[in-house]
C-alpha cells in the first residue's frame, strides 16, 4: 500500500512584533510617548552630524579649528549684512550663556573675520570682507556637497519644511518645560 503524503503542520501565525523605539535612554521612555524619546535620540544624532558637518565645511572653506558654535556665530553675524549686538545673537540662537557667544566673537575677531564697533555703551558685531569671503566659500561647498543631494528625492524639501515647523514647535515646548523645571 502506498504511503500517504504527510502535510507539514501549518506555520504558526506570525504577528509583527511591536517595533521597539530606537532611543539613547530606555529608562526615560514614557508609555505616553515613546515617540518623544525616539525624537530626542534622533535629535542627538542629527545634532552631532550637523555640528560635524558645519565644522568640516568651514574647514574646507579655509577657516580651520572653529567649533560648531564659532561657525554658527559667524553665519549669524553675516546674516543680512546688519550689525548685531551680543544680546541679539544670543536671543536668535537661543543661547542663554552669553559668555559662550562672547568667547566665539572674540575668537572670530582675533581671526579677522568679525569686527566689533562701540557706539556709546553698546558694542555691535559685523563680519569683515575676509569673513564674508569665507562664508561665501562655505555656501559654495554647501551647495556642492549638501544641497545637490536633495535632488535625489523630490519630496525631501517638502518633508524638510515640515520638519523645520515641527522643530520650532518642539523647541517652544522644551523652552516651556525648562522654565517649569527651573521653578521646581
Protein backbone atom coordinates (compact mmCIF):
# COMPACT_ATOMS: atom_id res chain seq x y z
CA UNK A 1 0.00 0.00 0.00
CA UNK A 2 1.44 3.38 -0.99
CA UNK A 3 2.40 5.71 1.79
CA UNK A 4 0.14 8.62 2.28
CA UNK A 5 1.80 12.03 1.83
CA UNK A 6 2.01 13.84 5.10
CA UNK A 7 1.41 17.57 5.02
CA UNK A 8 3.66 19.68 7.16
CA UNK A 9 1.97 21.25 10.16
CA UNK A 10 0.62 24.73 9.50
CA UNK A 11 3.08 27.51 10.21
CA UNK A 12 2.27 29.48 13.31
CA UNK A 13 0.72 32.84 12.61
CA UNK A 14 3.44 35.44 12.54
CA UNK A 15 2.48 38.59 14.32
CA UNK A 16 4.54 41.65 13.65
CA UNK A 17 6.46 42.40 16.78
CA UNK A 18 5.88 45.83 18.16
CA UNK A 19 8.82 47.84 16.99
CA UNK A 20 10.98 48.83 19.89
CA UNK A 21 11.70 52.51 19.92
CA UNK A 22 15.24 53.50 18.96
CA UNK A 23 16.35 55.56 21.93
CA UNK A 24 19.50 56.55 23.77
CA UNK A 25 17.97 56.32 27.24
CA UNK A 26 15.47 53.49 27.61
CA UNK A 27 14.88 54.48 31.24
CA UNK A 28 13.29 57.76 30.03
CA UNK A 29 10.81 56.19 27.60
CA UNK A 30 7.29 57.15 28.64
CA UNK A 31 4.36 54.88 27.89
CA UNK A 32 2.53 58.08 26.88
CA UNK A 33 5.10 59.00 24.21
CA UNK A 34 7.86 56.63 23.21
CA UNK A 35 7.97 58.79 20.09
CA UNK A 36 9.39 61.71 22.08
CA UNK A 37 12.30 59.53 23.21
CA UNK A 38 12.86 58.46 19.60
CA UNK A 39 12.79 62.11 18.56
CA UNK A 40 15.32 63.03 21.26
CA UNK A 41 17.69 60.29 20.11
CA UNK A 42 17.27 61.43 16.50
CA UNK A 43 17.97 64.99 17.61
CA UNK A 44 21.16 63.91 19.38
CA UNK A 45 22.42 62.01 16.34
CA UNK A 46 21.34 64.68 13.83
CA UNK A 47 22.72 67.48 16.02
CA UNK A 48 26.11 65.81 16.22
CA UNK A 49 26.12 65.14 12.48
CA UNK A 50 25.14 68.75 11.77
CA UNK A 51 27.88 70.09 14.06
CA UNK A 52 30.46 67.82 12.45
CA UNK A 53 29.26 68.93 9.00
CA UNK A 54 29.45 72.68 9.65
CA UNK A 55 32.91 72.44 11.22
CA UNK A 56 34.22 70.36 8.29
CA UNK A 57 32.54 72.59 5.72
CA UNK A 58 34.08 75.74 7.22
CA UNK A 59 37.44 73.99 7.43
CA UNK A 60 37.14 73.12 3.71
CA UNK A 61 36.31 76.79 3.10
CA UNK A 62 39.66 77.67 4.68
CA UNK A 63 38.82 78.53 8.30
CA UNK A 64 40.18 75.65 10.33
CA UNK A 65 39.83 74.81 14.02
CA UNK A 66 36.49 76.52 14.57
CA UNK A 67 33.93 74.95 16.86
CA UNK A 68 30.41 74.49 15.54
CA UNK A 69 29.29 77.42 17.71
CA UNK A 70 32.01 79.63 16.19
CA UNK A 71 30.76 78.76 12.71
CA UNK A 72 27.13 79.45 13.64
CA UNK A 73 28.06 82.80 15.20
CA UNK A 74 29.98 83.81 12.07
CA UNK A 75 26.99 82.90 9.91
CA UNK A 76 24.61 84.83 12.14
CA UNK A 77 26.84 87.90 12.28
CA UNK A 78 27.00 87.80 8.46
CA UNK A 79 23.20 87.33 8.16
CA UNK A 80 21.54 90.18 6.25
CA UNK A 81 24.69 92.33 6.46
CA UNK A 82 23.45 94.10 9.60
CA UNK A 83 25.44 94.76 12.74
CA UNK A 84 24.39 92.55 15.65
CA UNK A 85 24.53 93.04 19.41
CA UNK A 86 25.61 90.22 21.72
CA UNK A 87 22.11 90.06 23.22
CA UNK A 88 20.54 89.78 19.76
CA UNK A 89 22.88 86.97 18.74
CA UNK A 90 22.11 85.06 21.93
CA UNK A 91 18.37 85.60 21.51
CA UNK A 92 18.21 84.46 17.88
CA UNK A 93 20.45 81.45 18.52
CA UNK A 94 18.53 80.62 21.73
CA UNK A 95 21.73 80.58 23.81
CA UNK A 96 21.39 81.62 27.46
CA UNK A 97 25.11 81.60 28.28
CA UNK A 98 26.25 84.91 26.80
CA UNK A 99 29.86 84.11 27.68
CA UNK A 100 29.81 81.28 25.10
CA UNK A 101 28.81 83.67 22.32
CA UNK A 102 31.17 86.35 23.63
CA UNK A 103 34.07 83.86 23.55
CA UNK A 104 33.20 82.88 19.97
CA UNK A 105 33.04 86.56 18.95
CA UNK A 106 36.48 87.23 20.47
CA UNK A 107 37.92 84.22 18.66
CA UNK A 108 36.38 85.36 15.37
CA UNK A 109 37.68 88.90 15.92
CA UNK A 110 41.20 87.54 16.53
CA UNK A 111 40.93 85.70 13.19
CA UNK A 112 39.93 88.93 11.45
CA UNK A 113 36.57 87.62 10.24
CA UNK A 114 34.43 89.67 12.64
CA UNK A 115 34.85 93.23 13.85
CA UNK A 116 33.27 94.89 16.88
CA UNK A 117 32.24 98.55 16.89
CA UNK A 118 31.45 100.51 20.01
CA UNK A 119 28.57 103.00 19.90
CA UNK A 120 28.31 104.54 23.36
CA UNK A 121 27.95 101.64 25.77
CA UNK A 122 26.78 99.27 23.09
CA UNK A 123 29.04 97.00 21.02
CA UNK A 124 27.85 95.65 17.70
CA UNK A 125 29.47 93.00 15.54
CA UNK A 126 29.72 92.56 11.79
CA UNK A 127 31.61 90.24 9.51
CA UNK A 128 34.62 91.65 7.71
CA UNK A 129 35.25 91.32 3.99
CA UNK A 130 37.51 88.36 4.80
CA UNK A 131 34.75 86.81 6.92
CA UNK A 132 32.19 87.27 4.15
CA UNK A 133 34.62 85.58 1.76
CA UNK A 134 34.84 82.50 3.97
CA UNK A 135 31.06 82.46 4.34
CA UNK A 136 30.66 82.65 0.55
CA UNK A 137 33.11 79.76 0.08
CA UNK A 138 31.20 77.79 2.76
CA UNK A 139 27.99 78.40 0.77
CA UNK A 140 29.59 77.09 -2.41
CA UNK A 141 30.80 73.93 -0.66
CA UNK A 142 27.37 73.50 0.95
CA UNK A 143 25.71 73.72 -2.47
CA UNK A 144 28.07 71.12 -3.93
CA UNK A 145 28.10 68.66 -1.03
CA UNK A 146 24.71 69.00 0.63
CA UNK A 147 22.13 70.83 -1.47
CA UNK A 148 22.83 68.77 -4.58
CA UNK A 149 21.99 65.63 -2.56
CA UNK A 150 18.40 66.91 -2.22
CA UNK A 151 17.85 66.34 -5.93
CA UNK A 152 17.62 62.59 -5.29
CA UNK A 153 14.15 62.85 -3.72
CA UNK A 154 11.51 65.29 -4.95
CA UNK A 155 9.53 65.18 -1.70
CA UNK A 156 12.51 65.71 0.55
CA UNK A 157 12.35 69.52 0.51
CA UNK A 158 8.66 69.39 1.48
CA UNK A 159 9.46 66.99 4.31
CA UNK A 160 12.34 69.19 5.49
CA UNK A 161 9.98 72.18 5.59
CA UNK A 162 7.51 70.25 7.73
CA UNK A 163 10.32 69.03 9.96
CA UNK A 164 11.52 72.62 10.43
CA UNK A 165 7.99 73.60 11.51
CA UNK A 166 7.84 70.73 13.99
CA UNK A 167 11.28 71.62 15.38
CA UNK A 168 10.10 75.19 16.05
CA UNK A 169 7.03 73.85 17.87
CA UNK A 170 9.10 71.38 19.87
CA UNK A 171 11.72 73.97 20.78
CA UNK A 172 8.92 76.05 22.28
CA UNK A 173 7.73 73.03 24.26
CA UNK A 174 11.25 72.34 25.52
CA UNK A 175 11.76 76.01 26.45
CA UNK A 176 8.49 75.99 28.39
CA UNK A 177 9.44 72.73 30.11
CA UNK A 178 12.85 74.22 31.00
CA UNK A 179 11.16 77.22 32.63
CA UNK A 180 8.86 74.88 34.55
CA UNK A 181 11.78 72.71 35.70
CA UNK A 182 13.75 75.81 36.78
CA UNK A 183 10.91 76.77 39.11
CA UNK A 184 10.85 73.40 40.90
